[in-house]
Amino acid sequence: MGKGFKYYLEEDKIREYMKLPIEQKFKWLDEINRFNELVMDDKTKRIREMFRKGEI
């Protein structure tokens, strides 16, 4: 098994997302990032970064 992770989205979900205004996309992204920073402990944050870098 390779490092990191994969996920797939249905085409209709991608098309639905593409219709959103850029401001709404950025707002959603900002809200998710703020939420993650509030709820994740340091260990979970380190693991997330390792996934992002493809180290695990």
N, C-alpha and C. Protein backbone atom coordinates (compact mmCIF):
# COMPACT_ATOMS: atom_id res chain seq x y z
N MET A 1 0.85 -1.19 0.00
CA MET A 1 0.00 0.00 0.00
C MET A 1 0.89 1.25 0.00
N GLY A 2 0.50 2.25 -0.77
CA GLY A 2 1.27 3.47 -0.87
C GLY A 2 1.10 4.38 0.34
N LYS A 3 1.82 5.46 0.34
CA LYS A 3 1.73 6.44 1.42
C LYS A 3 0.59 7.41 1.14
N GLY A 4 0.16 8.09 2.17
CA GLY A 4 -0.90 9.08 2.03
C GLY A 4 -2.27 8.44 1.93
N PHE A 5 -3.20 9.14 1.30
CA PHE A 5 -4.55 8.62 1.16
C PHE A 5 -5.18 9.17 -0.10
N LYS A 6 -6.25 8.53 -0.54
CA LYS A 6 -7.00 8.97 -1.71
C LYS A 6 -8.48 9.00 -1.36
N TYR A 7 -9.20 9.85 -2.02
CA TYR A 7 -10.65 9.82 -1.93
C TYR A 7 -11.22 10.26 -3.26
N TYR A 8 -12.43 9.88 -3.50
CA TYR A 8 -13.08 10.15 -4.78
C TYR A 8 -14.40 10.86 -4.55
N LEU A 9 -14.72 11.74 -5.48
CA LEU A 9 -16.00 12.46 -5.44
C LEU A 9 -16.79 12.11 -6.69
N GLU A 10 -18.09 12.07 -6.53
CA GLU A 10 -18.96 11.83 -7.67
C GLU A 10 -18.94 13.07 -8.56
N GLU A 11 -19.07 12.86 -9.85
CA GLU A 11 -18.98 13.96 -10.81
C GLU A 11 -20.02 15.04 -10.54
N ASP A 12 -21.23 14.66 -10.14
CA ASP A 12 -22.26 15.68 -9.89
C ASP A 12 -21.90 16.56 -8.70
N LYS A 13 -21.20 16.01 -7.71
CA LYS A 13 -20.75 16.82 -6.56
C LYS A 13 -19.68 17.83 -7.00
N ILE A 14 -18.80 17.41 -7.89
CA ILE A 14 -17.76 18.31 -8.41
C ILE A 14 -18.40 19.44 -9.21
N ARG A 15 -19.35 19.10 -10.06
CA ARG A 15 -20.03 20.12 -10.87
C ARG A 15 -20.80 21.10 -9.98
N GLU A 16 -21.42 20.59 -8.92
CA GLU A 16 -22.15 21.44 -7.98
C GLU A 16 -21.19 22.42 -7.31
N TYR A 17 -20.03 21.93 -6.90
CA TYR A 17 -19.03 22.78 -6.26
C TYR A 17 -18.51 23.84 -7.22
N MET A 18 -18.32 23.46 -8.47
CA MET A 18 -17.81 24.40 -9.47
C MET A 18 -18.74 25.60 -9.68
N LYS A 19 -20.01 25.44 -9.39
CA LYS A 19 -20.99 26.51 -9.57
C LYS A 19 -20.94 27.55 -8.46
N LEU A 20 -20.33 27.21 -7.34
CA LEU A 20 -20.28 28.15 -6.22
C LEU A 20 -19.38 29.34 -6.53
N PRO A 21 -19.75 30.53 -6.06
CA PRO A 21 -18.87 31.70 -6.23
C PRO A 21 -17.57 31.49 -5.46
N ILE A 22 -16.49 32.04 -5.97
CA ILE A 22 -15.17 31.87 -5.35
C ILE A 22 -15.17 32.34 -3.90
N GLU A 23 -15.90 33.41 -3.61
CA GLU A 23 -15.96 33.92 -2.23
C GLU A 23 -16.53 32.86 -1.29
N GLN A 24 -17.54 32.15 -1.75
CA GLN A 24 -18.16 31.12 -0.92
C GLN A 24 -17.21 29.94 -0.71
N LYS A 25 -16.45 29.60 -1.74
CA LYS A 25 -15.47 28.52 -1.62
C LYS A 25 -14.40 28.89 -0.59
N PHE A 26 -13.89 30.12 -0.66
CA PHE A 26 -12.87 30.56 0.27
C PHE A 26 -13.41 30.66 1.69
N LYS A 27 -14.65 31.11 1.83
CA LYS A 27 -15.27 31.20 3.15
C LYS A 27 -15.38 29.82 3.77
N TRP A 28 -15.84 28.84 2.99
CA TRP A 28 -15.97 27.47 3.48
C TRP A 28 -14.60 26.94 3.91
N LEU A 29 -13.59 27.15 3.07
CA LEU A 29 -12.24 26.68 3.37
C LEU A 29 -11.70 27.31 4.65
N ASP A 30 -11.90 28.59 4.80
CA ASP A 30 -11.44 29.30 6.00
C ASP A 30 -12.14 28.75 7.24
N GLU A 31 -13.45 28.53 7.16
CA GLU A 31 -14.19 28.01 8.30
C GLU A 31 -13.71 26.61 8.69
N ILE A 32 -13.46 25.76 7.69
CA ILE A 32 -12.96 24.40 7.98
C ILE A 32 -11.58 24.46 8.62
N ASN A 33 -10.70 25.31 8.10
CA ASN A 33 -9.36 25.43 8.68
C ASN A 33 -9.40 25.94 10.12
N ARG A 34 -10.24 26.93 10.38
CA ARG A 34 -10.37 27.44 11.75
C ARG A 34 -10.91 26.36 12.69
N PHE A 35 -11.92 25.64 12.23
CA PHE A 35 -12.50 24.56 13.03
C PHE A 35 -11.44 23.51 13.36
N ASN A 36 -10.70 23.07 12.34
CA ASN A 36 -9.66 22.06 12.55
C ASN A 36 -8.63 22.52 13.57
N GLU A 37 -8.21 23.77 13.48
CA GLU A 37 -7.22 24.28 14.43
C GLU A 37 -7.76 24.29 15.86
N LEU A 38 -9.07 24.52 16.00
CA LEU A 38 -9.66 24.55 17.34
C LEU A 38 -9.80 23.16 17.95
N VAL A 39 -10.12 22.17 17.13
CA VAL A 39 -10.46 20.85 17.68
C VAL A 39 -9.32 19.84 17.66
N MET A 40 -8.31 20.04 16.84
CA MET A 40 -7.21 19.07 16.76
C MET A 40 -6.16 19.33 17.83
N ASP A 41 -5.73 18.22 18.45
CA ASP A 41 -4.62 18.35 19.39
C ASP A 41 -3.30 18.33 18.59
N ASP A 42 -2.20 18.59 19.27
CA ASP A 42 -0.91 18.69 18.57
C ASP A 42 -0.52 17.39 17.88
N LYS A 43 -0.79 16.26 18.50
CA LYS A 43 -0.46 14.97 17.89
C LYS A 43 -1.21 14.77 16.58
N THR A 44 -2.50 15.07 16.58
CA THR A 44 -3.31 14.93 15.37
C THR A 44 -2.83 15.87 14.28
N LYS A 45 -2.44 17.08 14.65
CA LYS A 45 -1.91 18.03 13.67
C LYS A 45 -0.62 17.52 13.03
N ARG A 46 0.26 16.91 13.85
CA ARG A 46 1.51 16.36 13.32
C ARG A 46 1.22 15.22 12.34
N ILE A 47 0.27 14.36 12.69
CA ILE A 47 -0.10 13.25 11.81
C ILE A 47 -0.68 13.78 10.50
N ARG A 48 -1.53 14.79 10.58
CA ARG A 48 -2.12 15.40 9.38
C ARG A 48 -1.02 15.93 8.46
N GLU A 49 -0.03 16.59 9.03
CA GLU A 49 1.06 17.13 8.23
C GLU A 49 1.89 16.01 7.59
N MET A 50 2.06 14.92 8.30
CA MET A 50 2.80 13.79 7.73
C MET A 50 2.05 13.20 6.54
N PHE A 51 0.71 13.11 6.64
CA PHE A 51 -0.11 12.67 5.51
C PHE A 51 0.06 13.62 4.33
N ARG A 52 -0.01 14.91 4.59
CA ARG A 52 0.11 15.90 3.52
C ARG A 52 1.44 15.81 2.79
N LYS A 53 2.49 15.51 3.53
CA LYS A 53 3.82 15.42 2.96
C LYS A 53 4.09 14.05 2.33
N GLY A 54 3.15 13.11 2.51
CA GLY A 54 3.32 11.77 1.97
C GLY A 54 4.32 10.93 2.74
N GLU A 55 4.54 11.29 4.00
CA GLU A 55 5.49 10.55 4.82
C GLU A 55 4.88 9.29 5.41
N ILE A 56 3.58 9.25 5.49
CA ILE A 56 2.88 8.06 5.99
C ILE A 56 1.70 7.74 5.08
